[in-house]
Every structure is written in C-alpha cells, then in structure tokens.
N, C-alpha and C. Protein backbone atom coordinates (compact mmCIF):
# COMPACT_ATOMS: atom_id res chain seq x y z
N MET A 1 0.84 -1.20 0.00
CA MET A 1 0.00 0.00 0.00
C MET A 1 0.88 1.25 0.00
N THR A 2 0.49 2.22 -0.79
CA THR A 2 1.23 3.48 -0.82
C THR A 2 0.75 4.39 0.30
N ARG A 3 1.50 5.47 0.51
CA ARG A 3 1.08 6.44 1.52
C ARG A 3 -0.33 6.94 1.24
N LEU A 4 -0.61 7.24 -0.01
CA LEU A 4 -1.94 7.73 -0.37
C LEU A 4 -3.01 6.68 -0.09
N GLU A 5 -2.74 5.43 -0.44
CA GLU A 5 -3.71 4.36 -0.20
C GLU A 5 -3.95 4.15 1.29
N LEU A 6 -2.90 4.27 2.10
CA LEU A 6 -3.05 4.14 3.55
C LEU A 6 -3.95 5.24 4.10
N VAL A 7 -3.73 6.47 3.65
CA VAL A 7 -4.55 7.59 4.12
C VAL A 7 -6.00 7.42 3.67
N GLN A 8 -6.19 7.02 2.43
CA GLN A 8 -7.55 6.82 1.93
C GLN A 8 -8.28 5.72 2.71
N ARG A 9 -7.56 4.64 3.03
CA ARG A 9 -8.19 3.55 3.79
C ARG A 9 -8.55 4.03 5.20
N LEU A 10 -7.68 4.82 5.81
CA LEU A 10 -7.99 5.36 7.13
C LEU A 10 -9.24 6.23 7.09
N CYS A 11 -9.35 7.04 6.05
CA CYS A 11 -10.54 7.88 5.91
C CYS A 11 -11.80 7.03 5.85
N ARG A 12 -11.73 5.94 5.12
CA ARG A 12 -12.91 5.07 4.99
C ARG A 12 -13.24 4.39 6.31
N GLU A 13 -12.21 3.90 7.02
CA GLU A 13 -12.44 3.24 8.30
C GLU A 13 -12.99 4.22 9.33
N ALA A 14 -12.60 5.48 9.22
CA ALA A 14 -13.07 6.49 10.16
C ALA A 14 -14.46 7.01 9.80
N GLY A 15 -14.92 6.67 8.60
CA GLY A 15 -16.24 7.12 8.19
C GLY A 15 -16.27 8.49 7.56
N ALA A 16 -15.13 8.95 7.05
CA ALA A 16 -15.10 10.24 6.37
C ALA A 16 -15.92 10.16 5.09
N GLY A 17 -16.53 11.27 4.73
CA GLY A 17 -17.39 11.27 3.55
C GLY A 17 -16.64 11.08 2.26
N ASN A 18 -15.48 11.69 2.14
CA ASN A 18 -14.68 11.61 0.93
C ASN A 18 -13.24 11.23 1.30
N VAL A 19 -12.43 10.94 0.29
CA VAL A 19 -11.02 10.62 0.52
C VAL A 19 -10.17 11.58 -0.31
N PRO A 20 -8.98 11.91 0.15
CA PRO A 20 -8.12 12.83 -0.60
C PRO A 20 -7.52 12.17 -1.84
N SER A 21 -7.18 12.96 -2.81
CA SER A 21 -6.54 12.45 -4.04
C SER A 21 -5.03 12.57 -3.96
N THR A 22 -4.52 13.20 -2.91
CA THR A 22 -3.09 13.34 -2.69
C THR A 22 -2.84 13.54 -1.20
N THR A 23 -1.61 13.24 -0.77
CA THR A 23 -1.22 13.50 0.63
C THR A 23 -0.36 14.75 0.74
N ILE A 24 -0.07 15.37 -0.37
CA ILE A 24 0.85 16.50 -0.41
C ILE A 24 0.11 17.82 -0.17
N ALA A 25 0.70 18.66 0.69
CA ALA A 25 0.19 20.01 0.95
C ALA A 25 -1.27 20.03 1.38
N GLN A 26 -1.66 19.05 2.18
CA GLN A 26 -3.02 19.03 2.68
C GLN A 26 -3.20 19.99 3.85
N THR A 27 -4.42 20.34 4.12
CA THR A 27 -4.76 21.20 5.26
C THR A 27 -6.01 20.65 5.92
N GLY A 28 -6.31 21.16 7.10
CA GLY A 28 -7.55 20.80 7.77
C GLY A 28 -7.66 19.33 8.10
N GLU A 29 -8.86 18.76 7.86
CA GLU A 29 -9.14 17.39 8.25
C GLU A 29 -8.25 16.39 7.52
N TYR A 30 -8.04 16.58 6.24
CA TYR A 30 -7.19 15.65 5.49
C TYR A 30 -5.76 15.65 6.03
N LEU A 31 -5.26 16.80 6.45
CA LEU A 31 -3.92 16.86 7.02
C LEU A 31 -3.82 16.01 8.27
N ARG A 32 -4.89 16.01 9.08
CA ARG A 32 -4.88 15.18 10.28
C ARG A 32 -4.77 13.70 9.91
N TYR A 33 -5.49 13.27 8.89
CA TYR A 33 -5.41 11.87 8.47
C TYR A 33 -3.99 11.53 7.99
N VAL A 34 -3.39 12.42 7.23
CA VAL A 34 -2.02 12.20 6.76
C VAL A 34 -1.07 12.11 7.95
N ASN A 35 -1.21 13.02 8.91
CA ASN A 35 -0.33 13.02 10.08
C ASN A 35 -0.52 11.77 10.92
N TRP A 36 -1.74 11.28 11.02
CA TRP A 36 -1.99 10.05 11.80
C TRP A 36 -1.34 8.84 11.14
N ILE A 37 -1.39 8.76 9.82
CA ILE A 37 -0.72 7.66 9.13
C ILE A 37 0.79 7.76 9.32
N ASP A 38 1.34 8.95 9.15
CA ASP A 38 2.80 9.13 9.31
C ASP A 38 3.23 8.80 10.73
N ALA A 39 2.45 9.23 11.72
CA ALA A 39 2.79 8.96 13.12
C ALA A 39 2.69 7.46 13.43
N ALA A 40 1.66 6.81 12.88
CA ALA A 40 1.49 5.38 13.11
C ALA A 40 2.66 4.59 12.52
N TYR A 41 3.08 4.97 11.33
CA TYR A 41 4.21 4.30 10.68
C TYR A 41 5.48 4.46 11.50
N ASP A 42 5.72 5.65 12.00
CA ASP A 42 6.90 5.89 12.84
C ASP A 42 6.82 5.08 14.14
N GLU A 43 5.65 5.05 14.75
CA GLU A 43 5.51 4.33 16.02
C GLU A 43 5.76 2.84 15.86
N ILE A 44 5.24 2.26 14.80
CA ILE A 44 5.44 0.83 14.57
C ILE A 44 6.91 0.52 14.38
N GLN A 45 7.61 1.31 13.60
CA GLN A 45 9.04 1.07 13.39
C GLN A 45 9.84 1.23 14.68
N SER A 46 9.35 2.06 15.59
CA SER A 46 10.08 2.35 16.83
C SER A 46 9.82 1.33 17.93
N ILE A 47 8.90 0.40 17.71
CA ILE A 47 8.62 -0.62 18.73
C ILE A 47 9.86 -1.46 19.00
N HIS A 48 10.60 -1.82 17.93
CA HIS A 48 11.84 -2.59 18.06
C HIS A 48 12.91 -1.89 17.23
N HIS A 49 14.11 -1.82 17.76
CA HIS A 49 15.20 -1.22 16.98
C HIS A 49 15.78 -2.23 15.99
N ASN A 50 15.49 -3.52 16.23
CA ASN A 50 16.11 -4.57 15.42
C ASN A 50 15.10 -5.34 14.57
N TRP A 51 14.10 -4.63 14.05
CA TRP A 51 13.21 -5.26 13.08
C TRP A 51 14.04 -5.80 11.91
N ASN A 52 13.68 -6.96 11.40
CA ASN A 52 14.38 -7.49 10.23
C ASN A 52 14.26 -6.57 9.02
N PHE A 53 13.11 -5.90 8.89
CA PHE A 53 12.92 -5.04 7.72
C PHE A 53 13.75 -3.76 7.79
N LEU A 54 14.38 -3.50 8.92
CA LEU A 54 15.26 -2.33 9.04
C LEU A 54 16.73 -2.70 8.86
N ARG A 55 17.02 -3.98 8.63
CA ARG A 55 18.41 -4.41 8.44
C ARG A 55 18.90 -4.05 7.05
N ALA A 56 20.15 -3.61 6.98
CA ALA A 56 20.75 -3.26 5.69
C ALA A 56 22.22 -3.63 5.70
N ASP A 57 22.79 -3.89 4.52
CA ASP A 57 24.19 -4.28 4.38
C ASP A 57 25.08 -3.07 4.16
N ILE A 58 26.35 -3.22 4.55
CA ILE A 58 27.31 -2.16 4.31
C ILE A 58 28.69 -2.78 4.12
N SER A 59 29.53 -2.10 3.34
CA SER A 59 30.90 -2.53 3.10
C SER A 59 31.77 -1.28 3.04
N PHE A 60 32.92 -1.33 3.70
CA PHE A 60 33.81 -0.17 3.72
C PHE A 60 35.24 -0.61 3.99
N SER A 61 36.17 0.29 3.75
CA SER A 61 37.59 -0.01 3.91
C SER A 61 38.06 0.35 5.31
N THR A 62 39.08 -0.38 5.78
CA THR A 62 39.66 -0.05 7.09
C THR A 62 40.37 1.30 7.07
N SER A 63 40.59 1.84 5.89
CA SER A 63 41.23 3.16 5.82
C SER A 63 40.25 4.28 6.17
N SER A 64 38.95 3.95 6.27
CA SER A 64 37.94 4.95 6.59
C SER A 64 36.86 4.30 7.44
N LEU A 65 37.07 4.28 8.76
CA LEU A 65 36.13 3.62 9.66
C LEU A 65 34.99 4.53 10.08
N SER A 66 35.09 5.83 9.79
CA SER A 66 34.00 6.75 10.10
C SER A 66 33.03 6.75 8.92
N VAL A 67 32.07 5.88 8.98
CA VAL A 67 31.15 5.66 7.86
C VAL A 67 29.92 6.55 8.01
N LEU A 68 29.60 7.29 6.97
CA LEU A 68 28.42 8.16 6.98
C LEU A 68 27.27 7.47 6.27
N ILE A 69 26.21 7.17 7.01
CA ILE A 69 25.04 6.51 6.45
C ILE A 69 23.83 7.38 6.78
N PRO A 70 23.21 8.00 5.80
CA PRO A 70 22.12 8.94 6.07
C PRO A 70 20.98 8.35 6.91
N GLU A 71 20.63 7.07 6.65
CA GLU A 71 19.49 6.48 7.34
C GLU A 71 19.90 5.61 8.53
N PHE A 72 21.14 5.79 9.01
CA PHE A 72 21.70 4.94 10.07
C PHE A 72 20.92 5.06 11.38
N GLY A 73 20.67 3.88 12.00
CA GLY A 73 20.07 3.85 13.32
C GLY A 73 21.02 3.27 14.35
N SER A 74 21.49 2.03 14.11
CA SER A 74 22.44 1.39 15.02
C SER A 74 23.13 0.25 14.29
N TRP A 75 24.28 -0.17 14.81
CA TRP A 75 25.01 -1.28 14.22
C TRP A 75 24.43 -2.61 14.67
N LYS A 76 24.63 -3.64 13.86
CA LYS A 76 24.36 -5.01 14.27
C LYS A 76 25.72 -5.61 14.63
N PRO A 77 26.09 -5.58 15.90
CA PRO A 77 27.47 -5.85 16.30
C PRO A 77 28.02 -7.22 15.93
N ASP A 78 27.15 -8.23 15.83
CA ASP A 78 27.63 -9.58 15.56
C ASP A 78 27.72 -9.89 14.06
N SER A 79 27.66 -8.86 13.22
CA SER A 79 27.58 -9.10 11.77
C SER A 79 28.88 -8.83 11.02
N PHE A 80 29.93 -8.35 11.69
CA PHE A 80 31.10 -7.87 10.98
C PHE A 80 32.05 -8.98 10.55
N ARG A 81 32.58 -8.81 9.33
CA ARG A 81 33.57 -9.72 8.76
C ARG A 81 34.64 -8.88 8.07
N CYS A 82 35.77 -9.49 7.77
CA CYS A 82 36.90 -8.73 7.23
C CYS A 82 37.68 -9.59 6.25
N TYR A 83 38.13 -8.97 5.15
CA TYR A 83 39.02 -9.69 4.22
C TYR A 83 40.01 -8.71 3.61
N LEU A 84 41.17 -9.24 3.25
CA LEU A 84 42.19 -8.45 2.59
C LEU A 84 41.65 -8.05 1.23
N THR A 85 41.57 -6.76 0.99
CA THR A 85 40.92 -6.25 -0.22
C THR A 85 41.55 -6.82 -1.48
N ALA A 86 42.88 -6.89 -1.50
CA ALA A 86 43.58 -7.37 -2.69
C ALA A 86 43.29 -8.84 -2.98
N THR A 87 42.98 -9.61 -1.94
CA THR A 87 42.71 -11.04 -2.12
C THR A 87 41.25 -11.31 -2.46
N GLY A 88 40.36 -10.56 -1.83
CA GLY A 88 38.93 -10.75 -2.08
C GLY A 88 38.26 -11.59 -1.02
N VAL A 89 37.00 -11.94 -1.25
CA VAL A 89 36.18 -12.57 -0.22
C VAL A 89 36.65 -13.98 0.15
N SER A 90 37.51 -14.59 -0.66
CA SER A 90 38.04 -15.91 -0.28
C SER A 90 38.87 -15.82 0.99
N ASP A 91 39.28 -14.61 1.35
CA ASP A 91 40.09 -14.37 2.55
C ASP A 91 39.22 -13.96 3.74
N GLU A 92 37.92 -13.95 3.58
CA GLU A 92 37.02 -13.38 4.60
C GLU A 92 37.06 -14.18 5.90
N GLN A 93 37.12 -13.43 7.01
CA GLN A 93 37.08 -14.01 8.35
C GLN A 93 36.15 -13.18 9.23
N PHE A 94 35.60 -13.81 10.27
CA PHE A 94 34.73 -13.10 11.19
C PHE A 94 35.55 -12.15 12.07
N LEU A 95 34.96 -11.03 12.41
CA LEU A 95 35.53 -10.11 13.39
C LEU A 95 34.81 -10.31 14.71
N GLY A 96 35.57 -10.53 15.77
CA GLY A 96 34.95 -10.65 17.08
C GLY A 96 34.49 -9.30 17.58
N TYR A 97 33.30 -9.24 18.15
CA TYR A 97 32.78 -7.98 18.69
C TYR A 97 33.07 -7.91 20.19
N MET A 98 33.50 -6.74 20.65
CA MET A 98 33.76 -6.52 22.06
C MET A 98 33.09 -5.23 22.50
N GLU A 99 32.41 -5.28 23.63
CA GLU A 99 31.76 -4.10 24.19
C GLU A 99 32.79 -3.01 24.44
N TRP A 100 32.40 -1.75 24.22
CA TRP A 100 33.36 -0.65 24.15
C TRP A 100 34.23 -0.51 25.38
N ASP A 101 33.68 -0.51 26.57
CA ASP A 101 34.49 -0.29 27.78
C ASP A 101 35.53 -1.40 27.95
N THR A 102 35.14 -2.63 27.66
CA THR A 102 36.09 -3.75 27.75
C THR A 102 37.18 -3.60 26.69
N PHE A 103 36.78 -3.27 25.48
CA PHE A 103 37.75 -3.05 24.40
C PHE A 103 38.72 -1.94 24.75
N ARG A 104 38.21 -0.85 25.27
CA ARG A 104 39.03 0.32 25.61
C ARG A 104 40.09 -0.04 26.65
N ASP A 105 39.68 -0.83 27.65
CA ASP A 105 40.62 -1.20 28.71
C ASP A 105 41.62 -2.27 28.25
N ALA A 106 41.18 -3.15 27.36
CA ALA A 106 42.03 -4.27 26.95
C ALA A 106 42.96 -3.92 25.80
N TYR A 107 42.48 -3.15 24.82
CA TYR A 107 43.25 -2.93 23.60
C TYR A 107 43.57 -1.47 23.29
N TYR A 108 42.73 -0.57 23.74
CA TYR A 108 42.96 0.84 23.44
C TYR A 108 43.67 1.47 24.62
N PHE A 109 44.84 0.88 24.96
CA PHE A 109 45.56 1.28 26.17
C PHE A 109 47.06 1.03 25.95
N GLY A 110 47.87 2.02 26.31
CA GLY A 110 49.32 1.87 26.24
C GLY A 110 49.81 1.50 24.85
N THR A 111 50.76 0.59 24.80
CA THR A 111 51.38 0.22 23.52
C THR A 111 50.43 -0.59 22.62
N SER A 112 49.33 -1.12 23.22
CA SER A 112 48.37 -1.87 22.40
C SER A 112 47.72 -0.98 21.35
N ARG A 113 47.65 0.31 21.64
CA ARG A 113 47.03 1.24 20.69
C ARG A 113 47.73 1.22 19.33
N SER A 114 49.04 1.06 19.36
CA SER A 114 49.83 1.17 18.13
C SER A 114 50.12 -0.17 17.46
N GLN A 115 49.62 -1.26 18.02
CA GLN A 115 49.87 -2.57 17.43
C GLN A 115 49.16 -2.67 16.08
N THR A 116 49.86 -3.22 15.10
CA THR A 116 49.29 -3.36 13.76
C THR A 116 49.21 -4.82 13.36
N GLY A 117 48.37 -5.11 12.39
CA GLY A 117 48.21 -6.48 11.89
C GLY A 117 46.85 -6.63 11.24
N ARG A 118 46.43 -7.85 11.08
CA ARG A 118 45.10 -8.10 10.52
C ARG A 118 44.06 -7.87 11.61
N PRO A 119 43.06 -7.01 11.38
CA PRO A 119 42.05 -6.77 12.41
C PRO A 119 41.32 -8.06 12.80
N SER A 120 41.13 -8.23 14.11
CA SER A 120 40.42 -9.42 14.59
C SER A 120 39.30 -9.07 15.56
N ILE A 121 39.34 -7.85 16.11
CA ILE A 121 38.34 -7.40 17.07
C ILE A 121 37.76 -6.07 16.59
N ILE A 122 36.46 -5.90 16.77
CA ILE A 122 35.82 -4.63 16.43
C ILE A 122 34.97 -4.18 17.61
N ALA A 123 34.88 -2.87 17.80
CA ALA A 123 34.09 -2.30 18.88
C ALA A 123 33.37 -1.05 18.37
N VAL A 124 32.26 -0.75 19.02
CA VAL A 124 31.47 0.44 18.66
C VAL A 124 31.60 1.46 19.77
N LYS A 125 32.13 2.63 19.42
CA LYS A 125 32.26 3.70 20.40
C LYS A 125 30.88 4.26 20.75
N PRO A 126 30.76 4.97 21.88
CA PRO A 126 29.47 5.54 22.26
C PRO A 126 28.86 6.46 21.20
N ASN A 127 29.70 7.08 20.37
CA ASN A 127 29.17 7.95 19.31
C ASN A 127 28.88 7.18 18.02
N THR A 128 28.93 5.84 18.10
CA THR A 128 28.66 4.87 17.02
C THR A 128 29.81 4.72 16.02
N ASP A 129 30.95 5.42 16.21
CA ASP A 129 32.12 5.17 15.37
C ASP A 129 32.66 3.77 15.66
N LEU A 130 33.39 3.22 14.70
CA LEU A 130 33.96 1.88 14.84
C LEU A 130 35.46 1.95 15.07
N LEU A 131 35.98 1.01 15.85
CA LEU A 131 37.42 0.84 16.01
C LEU A 131 37.74 -0.65 15.88
N VAL A 132 38.87 -0.95 15.24
CA VAL A 132 39.31 -2.34 15.14
C VAL A 132 40.66 -2.49 15.82
N TRP A 133 40.94 -3.72 16.19
CA TRP A 133 42.25 -4.04 16.77
C TRP A 133 42.67 -5.40 16.23
N PRO A 134 43.99 -5.52 15.89
CA PRO A 134 44.96 -4.41 15.83
C PRO A 134 44.66 -3.47 14.66
N THR A 135 45.33 -2.32 14.68
CA THR A 135 45.19 -1.38 13.57
C THR A 135 45.62 -2.05 12.27
N ALA A 136 44.83 -1.88 11.22
CA ALA A 136 45.09 -2.58 9.96
C ALA A 136 46.46 -2.23 9.39
N ASP A 137 47.21 -3.26 9.01
CA ASP A 137 48.53 -3.07 8.42
C ASP A 137 48.48 -3.09 6.89
N ASP A 138 47.29 -3.18 6.35
CA ASP A 138 47.08 -3.21 4.90
C ASP A 138 45.66 -2.74 4.65
N ASP A 139 45.25 -2.76 3.40
CA ASP A 139 43.90 -2.35 3.07
C ASP A 139 42.97 -3.55 3.18
N TYR A 140 42.10 -3.53 4.18
CA TYR A 140 41.12 -4.59 4.39
C TYR A 140 39.72 -4.04 4.14
N THR A 141 38.83 -4.90 3.71
CA THR A 141 37.43 -4.54 3.53
C THR A 141 36.62 -5.16 4.66
N ILE A 142 35.81 -4.34 5.29
CA ILE A 142 34.91 -4.82 6.34
C ILE A 142 33.48 -4.82 5.81
N THR A 143 32.81 -5.94 6.01
CA THR A 143 31.39 -6.02 5.66
C THR A 143 30.58 -6.22 6.93
N GLY A 144 29.35 -5.80 6.91
CA GLY A 144 28.51 -5.95 8.08
C GLY A 144 27.10 -5.48 7.81
N GLU A 145 26.35 -5.34 8.87
CA GLU A 145 24.96 -4.90 8.77
C GLU A 145 24.69 -3.80 9.80
N TYR A 146 23.68 -3.02 9.50
CA TYR A 146 23.20 -2.02 10.45
C TYR A 146 21.69 -1.97 10.39
N PHE A 147 21.09 -1.34 11.37
CA PHE A 147 19.66 -1.14 11.37
C PHE A 147 19.37 0.31 11.01
N MET A 148 18.49 0.49 10.04
CA MET A 148 18.09 1.84 9.67
C MET A 148 17.23 2.46 10.77
N ARG A 149 17.29 3.76 10.89
CA ARG A 149 16.35 4.44 11.78
C ARG A 149 14.98 4.44 11.11
N PRO A 150 13.90 4.73 11.87
CA PRO A 150 12.57 4.74 11.27
C PRO A 150 12.52 5.56 9.99
N GLN A 151 11.95 4.96 8.96
CA GLN A 151 11.85 5.61 7.66
C GLN A 151 10.62 6.51 7.59
N VAL A 152 10.61 7.42 6.63
CA VAL A 152 9.55 8.41 6.51
C VAL A 152 8.86 8.26 5.16
N LEU A 153 7.55 8.36 5.17
CA LEU A 153 6.78 8.41 3.94
C LEU A 153 6.59 9.88 3.57
N ALA A 154 6.96 10.25 2.35
CA ALA A 154 6.89 11.65 1.96
C ALA A 154 6.04 11.89 0.72
N ALA A 155 6.11 10.99 -0.25
CA ALA A 155 5.37 11.15 -1.50
C ALA A 155 4.15 10.24 -1.51
N ASP A 156 3.21 10.53 -2.38
CA ASP A 156 2.00 9.71 -2.49
C ASP A 156 2.32 8.25 -2.76
N ILE A 157 3.35 8.00 -3.57
CA ILE A 157 3.66 6.62 -3.99
C ILE A 157 4.63 5.91 -3.06
N ASP A 158 5.12 6.58 -2.01
CA ASP A 158 6.03 5.92 -1.06
C ASP A 158 5.31 4.78 -0.36
N GLU A 159 6.04 3.67 -0.14
CA GLU A 159 5.47 2.50 0.51
C GLU A 159 6.27 2.16 1.77
N PRO A 160 5.63 1.57 2.77
CA PRO A 160 6.34 1.16 3.99
C PRO A 160 7.44 0.16 3.68
N VAL A 161 8.46 0.13 4.54
CA VAL A 161 9.57 -0.78 4.32
C VAL A 161 9.20 -2.23 4.62
N PHE A 162 8.13 -2.46 5.37
CA PHE A 162 7.71 -3.85 5.60
C PHE A 162 6.58 -4.18 4.63
N PRO A 163 6.71 -5.29 3.89
CA PRO A 163 5.76 -5.61 2.83
C PRO A 163 4.46 -6.24 3.32
N LEU A 164 4.47 -6.84 4.52
CA LEU A 164 3.30 -7.55 5.02
C LEU A 164 2.65 -6.78 6.17
N HIS A 165 1.36 -7.03 6.36
CA HIS A 165 0.61 -6.50 7.50
C HIS A 165 0.65 -4.96 7.57
N GLN A 166 0.62 -4.33 6.41
CA GLN A 166 0.66 -2.86 6.37
C GLN A 166 -0.61 -2.23 6.93
N MET A 167 -1.70 -2.98 7.01
CA MET A 167 -2.92 -2.46 7.60
C MET A 167 -2.73 -2.11 9.07
N ALA A 168 -1.67 -2.62 9.69
CA ALA A 168 -1.38 -2.23 11.07
C ALA A 168 -1.22 -0.71 11.18
N ILE A 169 -0.70 -0.10 10.13
CA ILE A 169 -0.55 1.36 10.12
C ILE A 169 -1.91 2.03 10.15
N VAL A 170 -2.84 1.51 9.37
CA VAL A 170 -4.19 2.08 9.32
C VAL A 170 -4.88 1.92 10.66
N TRP A 171 -4.77 0.73 11.26
CA TRP A 171 -5.46 0.50 12.53
C TRP A 171 -4.87 1.36 13.65
N LYS A 172 -3.57 1.55 13.65
CA LYS A 172 -2.98 2.46 14.65
C LYS A 172 -3.46 3.89 14.39
N GLY A 173 -3.55 4.26 13.11
CA GLY A 173 -4.08 5.57 12.77
C GLY A 173 -5.52 5.74 13.24
N LEU A 174 -6.29 4.65 13.17
CA LEU A 174 -7.68 4.73 13.63
C LEU A 174 -7.74 4.93 15.15
N GLU A 175 -6.78 4.38 15.87
CA GLU A 175 -6.69 4.67 17.30
C GLU A 175 -6.52 6.17 17.54
N TYR A 176 -5.60 6.77 16.79
CA TYR A 176 -5.39 8.21 16.93
C TYR A 176 -6.67 8.98 16.62
N TYR A 177 -7.34 8.54 15.55
CA TYR A 177 -8.58 9.21 15.16
C TYR A 177 -9.62 9.10 16.27
N GLY A 178 -9.79 7.88 16.79
CA GLY A 178 -10.79 7.66 17.84
C GLY A 178 -10.53 8.48 19.08
N ALA A 179 -9.26 8.60 19.46
CA ALA A 179 -8.91 9.41 20.63
C ALA A 179 -9.18 10.89 20.37
N TYR A 180 -8.87 11.33 19.16
CA TYR A 180 -9.06 12.74 18.81
C TYR A 180 -10.54 13.12 18.74
N SER A 181 -11.32 12.24 18.14
CA SER A 181 -12.74 12.56 17.90
C SER A 181 -13.67 12.06 19.01
N SER A 182 -13.08 11.48 20.06
CA SER A 182 -13.87 10.94 21.18
C SER A 182 -14.90 9.92 20.70
N GLU A 183 -14.42 8.98 19.87
CA GLU A 183 -15.26 7.89 19.38
C GLU A 183 -14.68 6.58 19.88
N PRO A 184 -15.13 6.13 21.07
CA PRO A 184 -14.54 4.93 21.67
C PRO A 184 -14.68 3.67 20.82
N ASP A 185 -15.74 3.58 20.01
CA ASP A 185 -15.90 2.39 19.19
C ASP A 185 -14.82 2.32 18.11
N LYS A 186 -14.48 3.48 17.51
CA LYS A 186 -13.42 3.52 16.51
C LYS A 186 -12.07 3.23 17.17
N TYR A 187 -11.86 3.81 18.35
CA TYR A 187 -10.60 3.57 19.06
C TYR A 187 -10.46 2.08 19.38
N ALA A 188 -11.52 1.47 19.89
CA ALA A 188 -11.47 0.06 20.26
C ALA A 188 -11.23 -0.83 19.04
N MET A 189 -11.90 -0.49 17.93
CA MET A 189 -11.69 -1.26 16.70
C MET A 189 -10.23 -1.17 16.25
N GLY A 190 -9.70 0.06 16.23
CA GLY A 190 -8.31 0.23 15.82
C GLY A 190 -7.35 -0.52 16.72
N GLN A 191 -7.57 -0.43 18.03
CA GLN A 191 -6.69 -1.09 18.99
C GLN A 191 -6.73 -2.60 18.84
N SER A 192 -7.94 -3.16 18.69
CA SER A 192 -8.09 -4.61 18.57
C SER A 192 -7.42 -5.15 17.31
N GLN A 193 -7.67 -4.50 16.19
CA GLN A 193 -7.09 -4.96 14.93
C GLN A 193 -5.58 -4.74 14.88
N PHE A 194 -5.13 -3.64 15.47
CA PHE A 194 -3.70 -3.37 15.50
C PHE A 194 -2.95 -4.45 16.27
N LYS A 195 -3.48 -4.85 17.43
CA LYS A 195 -2.82 -5.85 18.25
C LYS A 195 -2.67 -7.17 17.49
N LYS A 196 -3.69 -7.53 16.72
CA LYS A 196 -3.62 -8.78 15.95
C LYS A 196 -2.50 -8.73 14.91
N LEU A 197 -2.44 -7.61 14.18
CA LEU A 197 -1.46 -7.52 13.10
C LEU A 197 -0.05 -7.29 13.61
N ILE A 198 0.10 -6.54 14.70
CA ILE A 198 1.46 -6.27 15.18
C ILE A 198 2.09 -7.56 15.71
N ARG A 199 1.27 -8.46 16.27
CA ARG A 199 1.80 -9.75 16.72
C ARG A 199 2.30 -10.56 15.52
N LYS A 200 1.54 -10.53 14.43
CA LYS A 200 1.96 -11.25 13.23
C LYS A 200 3.24 -10.64 12.65
N LEU A 201 3.32 -9.32 12.67
CA LEU A 201 4.52 -8.65 12.15
C LEU A 201 5.74 -8.99 13.01
N GLU A 202 5.55 -9.03 14.31
CA GLU A 202 6.67 -9.37 15.21
C GLU A 202 7.11 -10.81 15.01
N MET A 203 6.18 -11.70 14.75
CA MET A 203 6.55 -13.11 14.55
C MET A 203 7.40 -13.30 13.30
N SER A 204 7.16 -12.49 12.27
CA SER A 204 7.89 -12.67 11.01
C SER A 204 9.08 -11.73 10.86
N GLN A 205 9.13 -10.65 11.65
CA GLN A 205 10.12 -9.61 11.40
C GLN A 205 10.98 -9.25 12.61
N THR A 206 11.03 -10.11 13.61
CA THR A 206 11.96 -9.92 14.72
C THR A 206 12.85 -11.16 14.81
N PRO A 207 14.06 -11.02 15.39
CA PRO A 207 14.98 -12.16 15.45
C PRO A 207 14.34 -13.38 16.12
N GLU A 208 14.63 -14.53 15.58
CA GLU A 208 14.09 -15.78 16.13
C GLU A 208 14.67 -16.02 17.52
N MET A 209 13.81 -16.40 18.45
CA MET A 209 14.26 -16.69 19.81
C MET A 209 14.89 -18.08 19.84
N LEU A 210 16.12 -18.16 20.33
CA LEU A 210 16.84 -19.43 20.37
C LEU A 210 17.07 -19.87 21.80
N TRP A 211 17.20 -21.19 21.99
CA TRP A 211 17.49 -21.73 23.31
C TRP A 211 18.96 -21.47 23.65
N GLY A 212 19.22 -21.04 24.87
CA GLY A 212 20.58 -20.81 25.31
C GLY A 212 21.20 -22.08 25.88
N PRO A 213 22.48 -22.03 26.26
CA PRO A 213 23.14 -23.20 26.85
C PRO A 213 22.56 -23.48 28.24
N PRO A 214 22.71 -24.70 28.75
CA PRO A 214 22.20 -25.03 30.09
C PRO A 214 22.90 -24.18 31.15
N LEU A 215 22.16 -23.86 32.21
CA LEU A 215 22.72 -23.03 33.28
C LEU A 215 23.68 -23.81 34.16
N ALA A 216 23.57 -25.11 34.17
CA ALA A 216 24.47 -25.91 35.02
C ALA A 216 24.71 -27.26 34.36
C-alpha cells in the first residue's frame, strides 16, 4: 500500500465522507489523516530497533572507519567480517565484537594502541564510530549490517519498508482518530485490529528466539 492508499483507507475506516486524491500540501481534516498515518508508521518502526525489515548491508575499507550513512540507526554488532581487499572474499574471516568499555581497557591502552596487523576485534564507540584491533597493516574490507532508523513516507507513492501487515498502520491511525474525535468504538476497533497484526509482524520480522546453553 502506498502512503496515499493508507490515508484513503484510514478515511474510509473512520467514516469520512470523501477521501483525498493526494497526501501533499493538505490542510484541515485531510492533514490530520495524513499526520496520523505518518505517526502510526513511525511508532510501529520504533517498537523494536532490530526489526528485520530495518536491516541493511554495508561494506567499507579499514582506511575509513568513520562511515556516513544517512538512514543509520544502530550497528548489528555480531555481523562484521573482514578480508584483505587485494585477495577478495576468499580471505574473509569473522571479526569478534567486544563491548566498548572492555575493548578500551584491553586494547585501546598503552602500547596496544599502536599494534598493527590483521584486524580481529571490532568495537562500537558511544558515538557509534567503529574501532578495530589491531590497527590494519594493509587495506582490508569490512562487511557488516546495520539497522536503519525509522523511515519516513513523503510522496503519495512511497510505501512502507515492511511488505506484510501494512494495515497495522491504518489501525494504529484509527486509534489516533478515535482518541481525537472521542469515538470509543473507533478507538477500540483500531486497537483490537492493530494488536492482531502487530503480533503477526513481530513473529515474522523480529529475530528468532533461540534456546541458550544449560545453566548448570
């Protein structure tokens, strides 16, 4: 569903007499419907930072670890790999991830700071910059994943980043409408339908829960 289709469906569910032909430069009542859809879309994406539909790939050189990603939200720390650029992916090896404070005390200290070699450990600084240890002694390529921050619908034809259960956006929008217009039946309908779809979305678009090792 496009942004326009989502807004039109919300209008119909709310019982509006007519539907808009565009979401651009709206005013008055139609603007409220557009804002409710946009807010619902943002809220759904913000429920989890690690939705599968927000995952994206990245590749960069060890010569430039300060990577600028316009839609960046957070790193997926267990996703990093490294290979000698001149050799190619046949040389690829996993990079171990270490929490920043531990990394700082263990490797970013004294003479360890200047040690060079093939990177084997990666850490994320509090400002989201990356550091590897040891410092690369050649040109290596690092591949990994990150999570995008919540995306924005701007044009009539823009579509949500998740392909399934997009009606969840409409039902959340209907909650907003019901609260605004003091229509408890509309609010209850939106809330009930939203809960059903958000559970389905979470089942298909959040990391699979795995059994851990025995405690004893």
